[in-house]
Amino acid sequence: MGIGIIVVVVIALLLIFNSLKVLKEYERGVIFTFGRFSGVKGPGIFLVFPVMQQMVKVDLRTVVMDVPPQDVISRDNVSVKVNAVIYFRIIDPEKSIIQVADVFEATSQLAQTTLRSVLGQHELDDMLAARDKLNADIQGILDQHTDIWGVKVLNVEIKQVDLDEGMIRAIAKQAEAERQRRAKVINAEGELQASQKIMEAAQTLVKSPQAIQLRYLQTLVEVASDKTNTIIFPLPMDLIEPLLIKLKKD
C-alpha cells in the first residue's frame, strides 16, 4: 500500500512538473483544450495539462523581414529590380495562430505581391526620388490586409532599386543635359543682368558730362599702365568742349 501511494505521488509530481510552463515577457501561449481555443496565457508561470491541453508559443517582438528582389515594370515601361525590408509584430496571438497557417510566410508573400503592385503604378523617377511616399503606401496596404492575421506592420523601407546598364547610361545623359541647360540659363540670366547694369551706367554718364570725362581719363590711366611705348588715343571734341567754352568766356 505504501509503495502504491509513493508511485501515485511520483506520477502526480511528474504530471505537475510537465504541466508547468514559463513564458518570457515577450511571449504568449495560445491554449487549446481538446482542440478548441480556450485562451491566451503568459507571461509568467502557469499550468498546461498534458493530453487535455496544447500550447502554441507566439513571439510578440518586432520581426525584421527581407523582401527578395522583385522584377517590377514601372508605369513608364522601365524594368527594374526592387528589394525592401518590412518591420512587423504580432499583436493578436489568437488570430496569428487560428486565422493563418504560417503568419511569417503569408506576410512575406503578401509583401512581395504588394511591392510589385504599388511600384508598378509609379514612374521610375518616383521610385528614385519619392521613396517615403511609396513606403507609406506599401505599409498602409500591408497593415490593412494583415490585420485579420493579428499582425501590425510598423514600417516598410525600399532598400535598393537596380537598373540595367543601358538605363543607367540614359539617366546619366539626361542628368548631364539637365546640368547643361541650367548652366545656359544661369549664363543667360547673368548676361541680362550685366546688360541692364551697363545700360543704367550709360544713362548716368549721359546725364553728367563731367562723369564721362572722368571715365575717359580713368581709361587712359589704365591703358598707360601697360608696358607699351606708344599710346594713340582719339580725343573727342565733346570732351574738351566745356574747356573751350570756359576759355571763350574768359
C-alpha atoms as a PDB file:
ATOM      1  CA  MET A   1       0.000   0.000   0.000  1.00  0.00           C
ATOM      2  CA  GLY A   2       2.790   2.407   0.845  1.00  0.00           C
ATOM      3  CA  ILE A   3       4.549   1.705  -2.463  1.00  0.00           C
ATOM      4  CA  GLY A   4       1.346   2.407  -4.389  1.00  0.00           C
ATOM      5  CA  ILE A   5       0.920   5.767  -2.728  1.00  0.00           C
ATOM      6  CA  ILE A   6       4.501   6.655  -3.470  1.00  0.00           C
ATOM      7  CA  VAL A   7       4.018   5.728  -7.124  1.00  0.00           C
ATOM      8  CA  VAL A   8       0.871   7.837  -7.357  1.00  0.00           C
ATOM      9  CA  VAL A   9       2.593  10.799  -5.724  1.00  0.00           C
ATOM     10  CA  VAL A  10       5.565  10.483  -8.075  1.00  0.00           C
ATOM     11  CA  ILE A  11       3.283  10.315 -11.130  1.00  0.00           C
ATOM     12  CA  ALA A  12       1.315  13.315  -9.879  1.00  0.00           C
ATOM     13  CA  LEU A  13       4.503  15.282  -9.338  1.00  0.00           C
ATOM     14  CA  LEU A  14       5.721  14.362 -12.807  1.00  0.00           C
ATOM     15  CA  LEU A  15       2.425  15.481 -14.352  1.00  0.00           C
ATOM     16  CA  ILE A  16       2.536  18.775 -12.470  1.00  0.00           C
ATOM     17  CA  PHE A  17       6.162  19.291 -13.446  1.00  0.00           C
ATOM     18  CA  ASN A  18       5.358  18.620 -17.102  1.00  0.00           C
ATOM     19  CA  SER A  19       2.338  20.883 -16.855  1.00  0.00           C
ATOM     20  CA  LEU A  20       4.334  23.863 -15.655  1.00  0.00           C
ATOM     21  CA  LYS A  21       5.037  26.368 -18.410  1.00  0.00           C
ATOM     22  CA  VAL A  22       7.066  29.549 -18.134  1.00  0.00           C
ATOM     23  CA  LEU A  23       6.881  32.262 -20.770  1.00  0.00           C
ATOM     24  CA  LYS A  24       9.067  35.349 -21.067  1.00  0.00           C
ATOM     25  CA  GLU A  25       7.723  38.884 -21.118  1.00  0.00           C
ATOM     26  CA  TYR A  26       7.649  38.966 -24.919  1.00  0.00           C
ATOM     27  CA  GLU A  27       6.000  35.547 -25.297  1.00  0.00           C
ATOM     28  CA  ARG A  28       2.386  34.385 -25.178  1.00  0.00           C
ATOM     29  CA  GLY A  29       0.862  30.917 -25.211  1.00  0.00           C
ATOM     30  CA  VAL A  30      -2.269  30.152 -27.251  1.00  0.00           C
ATOM     31  CA  ILE A  31      -4.058  27.359 -25.357  1.00  0.00           C
ATOM     32  CA  PHE A  32      -6.247  24.684 -26.958  1.00  0.00           C
ATOM     33  CA  THR A  33      -8.330  22.399 -24.731  1.00  0.00           C
ATOM     34  CA  PHE A  34      -9.421  19.206 -26.529  1.00  0.00           C
ATOM     35  CA  GLY A  35      -8.730  21.035 -29.803  1.00  0.00           C
ATOM     36  CA  ARG A  36     -10.769  24.132 -29.004  1.00  0.00           C
ATOM     37  CA  PHE A  37      -9.303  27.548 -28.357  1.00  0.00           C
ATOM     38  CA  SER A  38      -9.539  28.288 -24.641  1.00  0.00           C
ATOM     39  CA  GLY A  39      -7.452  31.412 -24.163  1.00  0.00           C
ATOM     40  CA  VAL A  40      -4.079  33.135 -24.269  1.00  0.00           C
ATOM     41  CA  LYS A  41      -1.718  32.853 -21.309  1.00  0.00           C
ATOM     42  CA  GLY A  42       1.546  34.463 -20.280  1.00  0.00           C
ATOM     43  CA  PRO A  43       3.917  35.884 -19.458  1.00  0.00           C
ATOM     44  CA  GLY A  44       4.975  34.108 -16.294  1.00  0.00           C
ATOM     45  CA  ILE A  45       4.268  30.613 -14.922  1.00  0.00           C
ATOM     46  CA  PHE A  46       1.050  28.639 -15.454  1.00  0.00           C
ATOM     47  CA  LEU A  47      -0.233  25.084 -15.972  1.00  0.00           C
ATOM     48  CA  VAL A  48      -0.989  23.345 -19.234  1.00  0.00           C
ATOM     49  CA  PHE A  49      -2.429  19.909 -18.542  1.00  0.00           C
ATOM     50  CA  PRO A  50      -0.994  17.171 -20.766  1.00  0.00           C
ATOM     51  CA  VAL A  51      -3.288  15.328 -23.190  1.00  0.00           C
ATOM     52  CA  MET A  52      -6.143  17.722 -22.394  1.00  0.00           C
ATOM     53  CA  GLN A  53      -4.413  20.898 -23.476  1.00  0.00           C
ATOM     54  CA  GLN A  54      -1.841  22.002 -26.027  1.00  0.00           C
ATOM     55  CA  MET A  55       0.034  25.292 -26.156  1.00  0.00           C
ATOM     56  CA  VAL A  56       1.404  27.149 -29.181  1.00  0.00           C
ATOM     57  CA  LYS A  57       4.050  29.718 -28.305  1.00  0.00           C
ATOM     58  CA  VAL A  58       3.926  33.132 -30.022  1.00  0.00           C
ATOM     59  CA  ASP A  59       6.721  35.716 -30.049  1.00  0.00           C
ATOM     60  CA  LEU A  60       5.494  39.321 -29.805  1.00  0.00           C
ATOM     61  CA  ARG A  61       8.790  41.014 -30.630  1.00  0.00           C
ATOM     62  CA  THR A  62       9.270  43.057 -33.801  1.00  0.00           C
ATOM     63  CA  VAL A  63      10.297  40.926 -36.769  1.00  0.00           C
ATOM     64  CA  VAL A  64      12.610  42.259 -39.483  1.00  0.00           C
ATOM     65  CA  MET A  65      11.921  40.525 -42.793  1.00  0.00           C
ATOM     66  CA  ASP A  66      13.771  40.993 -46.077  1.00  0.00           C
ATOM     67  CA  VAL A  67      11.651  41.035 -49.195  1.00  0.00           C
ATOM     68  CA  PRO A  68      13.578  39.291 -52.008  1.00  0.00           C
ATOM     69  CA  PRO A  69      14.344  41.355 -55.154  1.00  0.00           C
ATOM     70  CA  GLN A  70      11.243  41.700 -57.286  1.00  0.00           C
ATOM     71  CA  ASP A  71      11.042  42.342 -61.030  1.00  0.00           C
ATOM     72  CA  VAL A  72       8.935  45.451 -61.478  1.00  0.00           C
ATOM     73  CA  ILE A  73       7.845  47.244 -64.653  1.00  0.00           C
ATOM     74  CA  SER A  74       7.166  50.886 -63.878  1.00  0.00           C
ATOM     75  CA  ARG A  75       4.348  52.918 -65.372  1.00  0.00           C
ATOM     76  CA  ASP A  76       6.783  54.390 -67.927  1.00  0.00           C
ATOM     77  CA  ASN A  77       7.789  50.847 -69.006  1.00  0.00           C
ATOM     78  CA  VAL A  78      11.165  50.634 -67.272  1.00  0.00           C
ATOM     79  CA  SER A  79      12.178  47.220 -65.932  1.00  0.00           C
ATOM     80  CA  VAL A  80      13.862  47.322 -62.528  1.00  0.00           C
ATOM     81  CA  LYS A  81      14.653  45.029 -59.622  1.00  0.00           C
ATOM     82  CA  VAL A  82      13.496  46.278 -56.227  1.00  0.00           C
ATOM     83  CA  ASN A  83      14.037  44.805 -52.785  1.00  0.00           C
ATOM     84  CA  ALA A  84      12.736  46.030 -49.461  1.00  0.00           C
ATOM     85  CA  VAL A  85      12.584  45.304 -45.739  1.00  0.00           C
ATOM     86  CA  ILE A  86       9.470  45.253 -43.568  1.00  0.00           C
ATOM     87  CA  TYR A  87       9.120  45.594 -39.803  1.00  0.00           C
ATOM     88  CA  PHE A  88       6.092  43.995 -38.171  1.00  0.00           C
ATOM     89  CA  ARG A  89       4.969  42.379 -34.954  1.00  0.00           C
ATOM     90  CA  ILE A  90       2.152  40.112 -33.792  1.00  0.00           C
ATOM     91  CA  ILE A  91      -0.362  41.982 -31.651  1.00  0.00           C
ATOM     92  CA  ASP A  92      -3.098  39.311 -31.514  1.00  0.00           C
ATOM     93  CA  PRO A  93      -1.663  35.820 -30.805  1.00  0.00           C
ATOM     94  CA  GLU A  94      -5.065  34.159 -31.252  1.00  0.00           C
ATOM     95  CA  LYS A  95      -5.526  35.409 -34.832  1.00  0.00           C
ATOM     96  CA  SER A  96      -1.909  34.710 -35.775  1.00  0.00           C
ATOM     97  CA  ILE A  97      -2.374  31.015 -34.947  1.00  0.00           C
ATOM     98  CA  ILE A  98      -6.016  30.366 -35.851  1.00  0.00           C
ATOM     99  CA  GLN A  99      -6.521  32.559 -38.939  1.00  0.00           C
ATOM    100  CA  VAL A 100      -3.387  31.632 -40.904  1.00  0.00           C
ATOM    101  CA  ALA A 101      -1.216  28.524 -41.158  1.00  0.00           C
ATOM    102  CA  ASP A 102       2.148  30.340 -41.264  1.00  0.00           C
ATOM    103  CA  VAL A 103       1.925  34.024 -40.442  1.00  0.00           C
ATOM    104  CA  PHE A 104       5.523  34.762 -41.450  1.00  0.00           C
ATOM    105  CA  GLU A 105       5.295  33.091 -44.856  1.00  0.00           C
ATOM    106  CA  ALA A 106       1.926  34.708 -45.519  1.00  0.00           C
ATOM    107  CA  THR A 107       3.268  38.147 -44.636  1.00  0.00           C
ATOM    108  CA  SER A 108       6.324  37.641 -46.820  1.00  0.00           C
ATOM    109  CA  GLN A 109       4.298  36.592 -49.859  1.00  0.00           C
ATOM    110  CA  LEU A 110       1.845  39.446 -49.393  1.00  0.00           C
ATOM    111  CA  ALA A 111       4.741  41.904 -49.111  1.00  0.00           C
ATOM    112  CA  GLN A 112       6.218  40.693 -52.404  1.00  0.00           C
ATOM    113  CA  THR A 113       2.972  40.998 -54.358  1.00  0.00           C
ATOM    114  CA  THR A 114       2.165  44.368 -52.785  1.00  0.00           C
ATOM    115  CA  LEU A 115       5.627  45.694 -53.631  1.00  0.00           C
ATOM    116  CA  ARG A 116       5.203  44.781 -57.296  1.00  0.00           C
ATOM    117  CA  SER A 117       1.653  46.123 -57.436  1.00  0.00           C
ATOM    118  CA  VAL A 118       2.343  49.501 -55.832  1.00  0.00           C
ATOM    119  CA  LEU A 119       5.620  50.242 -57.638  1.00  0.00           C
ATOM    120  CA  GLY A 120       4.120  49.215 -60.971  1.00  0.00           C
ATOM    121  CA  GLN A 121       1.712  52.145 -60.670  1.00  0.00           C
ATOM    122  CA  HIS A 122       4.519  54.724 -60.443  1.00  0.00           C
ATOM    123  CA  GLU A 123       7.202  56.007 -62.767  1.00  0.00           C
ATOM    124  CA  LEU A 124      10.907  55.414 -62.320  1.00  0.00           C
ATOM    125  CA  ASP A 125      11.504  58.964 -61.053  1.00  0.00           C
ATOM    126  CA  ASP A 126       9.076  58.306 -58.192  1.00  0.00           C
ATOM    127  CA  MET A 127      10.922  55.120 -57.221  1.00  0.00           C
ATOM    128  CA  LEU A 128      14.188  57.029 -57.051  1.00  0.00           C
ATOM    129  CA  ALA A 129      13.031  60.321 -55.532  1.00  0.00           C
ATOM    130  CA  ALA A 130       9.737  59.687 -53.687  1.00  0.00           C
ATOM    131  CA  ARG A 131      10.535  56.622 -51.624  1.00  0.00           C
ATOM    132  CA  ASP A 132       8.955  57.973 -48.447  1.00  0.00           C
ATOM    133  CA  LYS A 133       5.564  58.166 -50.105  1.00  0.00           C
ATOM    134  CA  LEU A 134       5.927  54.712 -51.661  1.00  0.00           C
ATOM    135  CA  ASN A 135       6.997  53.258 -48.320  1.00  0.00           C
ATOM    136  CA  ALA A 136       3.914  54.732 -46.661  1.00  0.00           C
ATOM    137  CA  ASP A 137       1.610  53.398 -49.402  1.00  0.00           C
ATOM    138  CA  ILE A 138       3.013  49.876 -49.137  1.00  0.00           C
ATOM    139  CA  GLN A 139       2.858  49.955 -45.342  1.00  0.00           C
ATOM    140  CA  GLY A 140      -0.791  51.038 -45.384  1.00  0.00           C
ATOM    141  CA  ILE A 141      -1.815  48.248 -47.750  1.00  0.00           C
ATOM    142  CA  LEU A 142       0.113  45.574 -45.849  1.00  0.00           C
ATOM    143  CA  ASP A 143      -1.213  46.736 -42.494  1.00  0.00           C
ATOM    144  CA  GLN A 144      -4.784  46.617 -43.767  1.00  0.00           C
ATOM    145  CA  HIS A 145      -4.503  43.099 -45.202  1.00  0.00           C
ATOM    146  CA  THR A 146      -2.557  41.576 -42.296  1.00  0.00           C
ATOM    147  CA  ASP A 147      -4.920  42.881 -39.636  1.00  0.00           C
ATOM    148  CA  ILE A 148      -7.031  39.697 -39.894  1.00  0.00           C
ATOM    149  CA  TRP A 149      -3.888  37.721 -39.002  1.00  0.00           C
ATOM    150  CA  GLY A 150      -3.232  39.759 -35.864  1.00  0.00           C
ATOM    151  CA  VAL A 151      -0.184  41.435 -37.412  1.00  0.00           C
ATOM    152  CA  LYS A 152       0.770  45.111 -37.189  1.00  0.00           C
ATOM    153  CA  VAL A 153       3.096  46.371 -39.939  1.00  0.00           C
ATOM    154  CA  LEU A 154       5.266  49.037 -38.342  1.00  0.00           C
ATOM    155  CA  ASN A 155       7.397  50.188 -41.258  1.00  0.00           C
ATOM    156  CA  VAL A 156       8.402  49.424 -44.837  1.00  0.00           C
ATOM    157  CA  GLU A 157      11.656  50.575 -46.413  1.00  0.00           C
ATOM    158  CA  ILE A 158      12.620  50.201 -50.066  1.00  0.00           C
ATOM    159  CA  LYS A 159      16.282  49.264 -49.857  1.00  0.00           C
ATOM    160  CA  GLN A 160      17.526  49.340 -53.425  1.00  0.00           C
ATOM    161  CA  VAL A 161      16.344  49.925 -56.986  1.00  0.00           C
ATOM    162  CA  ASP A 162      18.600  48.177 -59.518  1.00  0.00           C
ATOM    163  CA  LEU A 163      18.679  49.344 -63.157  1.00  0.00           C
ATOM    164  CA  ASP A 164      20.304  47.749 -66.193  1.00  0.00           C
ATOM    165  CA  GLU A 165      23.403  49.329 -67.744  1.00  0.00           C
ATOM    166  CA  GLY A 166      21.519  50.888 -70.648  1.00  0.00           C
ATOM    167  CA  MET A 167      19.093  52.677 -68.354  1.00  0.00           C
ATOM    168  CA  ILE A 168      21.942  53.897 -66.128  1.00  0.00           C
ATOM    169  CA  ARG A 169      23.659  55.441 -69.163  1.00  0.00           C
ATOM    170  CA  ALA A 170      20.396  57.045 -70.304  1.00  0.00           C
ATOM    171  CA  ILE A 171      19.833  58.578 -66.861  1.00  0.00           C
ATOM    172  CA  ALA A 172      23.419  59.861 -66.830  1.00  0.00           C
ATOM    173  CA  LYS A 173      22.901  61.529 -70.221  1.00  0.00           C
ATOM    174  CA  GLN A 174      19.661  63.042 -69.031  1.00  0.00           C
ATOM    175  CA  ALA A 175      21.346  64.423 -65.906  1.00  0.00           C
ATOM    176  CA  GLU A 176      24.198  65.880 -67.987  1.00  0.00           C
ATOM    177  CA  ALA A 177      21.719  67.537 -70.356  1.00  0.00           C
ATOM    178  CA  GLU A 178      19.867  68.997 -67.400  1.00  0.00           C
ATOM    179  CA  ARG A 179      23.106  70.399 -65.950  1.00  0.00           C
ATOM    180  CA  GLN A 180      23.988  71.989 -69.302  1.00  0.00           C
ATOM    181  CA  ARG A 181      20.517  73.504 -69.569  1.00  0.00           C
ATOM    182  CA  ARG A 182      20.816  75.025 -66.094  1.00  0.00           C
ATOM    183  CA  ALA A 183      24.278  76.394 -66.901  1.00  0.00           C
ATOM    184  CA  LYS A 184      22.962  78.076 -70.059  1.00  0.00           C
ATOM    185  CA  VAL A 185      20.017  79.549 -68.193  1.00  0.00           C
ATOM    186  CA  ILE A 186      22.297  80.913 -65.458  1.00  0.00           C
ATOM    187  CA  ASN A 187      24.686  82.352 -68.060  1.00  0.00           C
ATOM    188  CA  ALA A 188      21.814  83.994 -69.935  1.00  0.00           C
ATOM    189  CA  GLU A 189      20.462  85.497 -66.710  1.00  0.00           C
ATOM    190  CA  GLY A 190      23.938  86.858 -65.928  1.00  0.00           C
ATOM    191  CA  GLU A 191      24.223  88.439 -69.392  1.00  0.00           C
ATOM    192  CA  LEU A 192      20.800  90.009 -68.969  1.00  0.00           C
ATOM    193  CA  GLN A 193      21.683  91.487 -65.583  1.00  0.00           C
ATOM    194  CA  ALA A 194      25.037  92.756 -66.910  1.00  0.00           C
ATOM    195  CA  SER A 195      23.381  94.427 -69.907  1.00  0.00           C
ATOM    196  CA  GLN A 196      20.864  96.116 -67.628  1.00  0.00           C
ATOM    197  CA  LYS A 197      23.651  97.484 -65.425  1.00  0.00           C
ATOM    198  CA  ILE A 198      25.610  98.718 -68.465  1.00  0.00           C
ATOM    199  CA  MET A 199      22.506 100.467 -69.766  1.00  0.00           C
ATOM    200  CA  GLU A 200      21.953 102.129 -66.388  1.00  0.00           C
ATOM    201  CA  ALA A 201      25.611 103.229 -66.290  1.00  0.00           C
ATOM    202  CA  ALA A 202      25.370 104.678 -69.809  1.00  0.00           C
ATOM    203  CA  GLN A 203      22.244 106.613 -68.878  1.00  0.00           C
ATOM    204  CA  THR A 204      24.029 108.005 -65.829  1.00  0.00           C
ATOM    205  CA  LEU A 205      27.041 109.086 -67.878  1.00  0.00           C
ATOM    206  CA  VAL A 206      24.822 110.800 -70.474  1.00  0.00           C
ATOM    207  CA  LYS A 207      23.222 112.874 -67.758  1.00  0.00           C
ATOM    208  CA  SER A 208      26.630 114.038 -66.432  1.00  0.00           C
ATOM    209  CA  PRO A 209      29.322 115.141 -68.990  1.00  0.00           C
ATOM    210  CA  GLN A 210      31.864 115.537 -66.188  1.00  0.00           C
ATOM    211  CA  ALA A 211      31.400 111.853 -65.348  1.00  0.00           C
ATOM    212  CA  ILE A 212      32.171 110.984 -68.968  1.00  0.00           C
ATOM    213  CA  GLN A 213      35.387 112.973 -68.791  1.00  0.00           C
ATOM    214  CA  LEU A 214      36.441 111.270 -65.544  1.00  0.00           C
ATOM    215  CA  ARG A 215      35.709 107.887 -67.021  1.00  0.00           C
ATOM    216  CA  TYR A 216      37.728 108.742 -70.120  1.00  0.00           C
ATOM    217  CA  LEU A 217      40.703 109.861 -68.030  1.00  0.00           C
ATOM    218  CA  GLN A 218      40.474 106.713 -65.900  1.00  0.00           C
ATOM    219  CA  THR A 219      40.588 104.630 -69.055  1.00  0.00           C
ATOM    220  CA  LEU A 220      43.727 106.489 -70.143  1.00  0.00           C
ATOM    221  CA  VAL A 221      45.386 105.747 -66.812  1.00  0.00           C
ATOM    222  CA  GLU A 222      44.572 102.054 -67.177  1.00  0.00           C
ATOM    223  CA  VAL A 223      45.953 101.985 -70.726  1.00  0.00           C
ATOM    224  CA  ALA A 224      49.099 103.868 -69.687  1.00  0.00           C
ATOM    225  CA  SER A 225      49.867 101.246 -67.069  1.00  0.00           C
ATOM    226  CA  ASP A 226      50.607  98.826 -69.888  1.00  0.00           C
ATOM    227  CA  LYS A 227      54.227  98.286 -70.970  1.00  0.00           C
ATOM    228  CA  THR A 228      53.714  99.564 -74.495  1.00  0.00           C
ATOM    229  CA  ASN A 229      55.904 102.511 -75.559  1.00  0.00           C
ATOM    230  CA  THR A 230      53.423 104.381 -77.723  1.00  0.00           C
ATOM    231  CA  ILE A 231      49.790 105.094 -76.943  1.00  0.00           C
ATOM    232  CA  ILE A 232      47.496 106.559 -79.550  1.00  0.00           C
ATOM    233  CA  PHE A 233      44.001 107.514 -78.484  1.00  0.00           C
ATOM    234  CA  PRO A 234      41.307 109.670 -80.039  1.00  0.00           C
ATOM    235  CA  LEU A 235      40.380 112.959 -78.437  1.00  0.00           C
ATOM    236  CA  PRO A 236      36.682 113.557 -78.851  1.00  0.00           C
ATOM    237  CA  MET A 237      35.736 117.214 -79.244  1.00  0.00           C
ATOM    238  CA  ASP A 238      32.859 116.950 -76.819  1.00  0.00           C
ATOM    239  CA  LEU A 239      35.406 116.094 -74.158  1.00  0.00           C
ATOM    240  CA  ILE A 240      37.221 119.449 -74.430  1.00  0.00           C
ATOM    241  CA  GLU A 241      34.169 121.456 -75.423  1.00  0.00           C
ATOM    242  CA  PRO A 242      33.491 122.609 -71.820  1.00  0.00           C
ATOM    243  CA  LEU A 243      37.103 123.849 -71.602  1.00  0.00           C
ATOM    244  CA  LEU A 244      36.797 125.766 -74.863  1.00  0.00           C
ATOM    245  CA  ILE A 245      33.587 127.400 -73.718  1.00  0.00           C
ATOM    246  CA  LYS A 246      35.226 128.473 -70.496  1.00  0.00           C
ATOM    247  CA  LEU A 247      38.240 129.939 -72.368  1.00  0.00           C
ATOM    248  CA  LYS A 248      35.946 131.958 -74.636  1.00  0.00           C
ATOM    249  CA  LYS A 249      34.169 133.403 -71.622  1.00  0.00           C
ATOM    250  CA  ASP A 250      37.475 134.382 -70.029  1.00  0.00           C
END
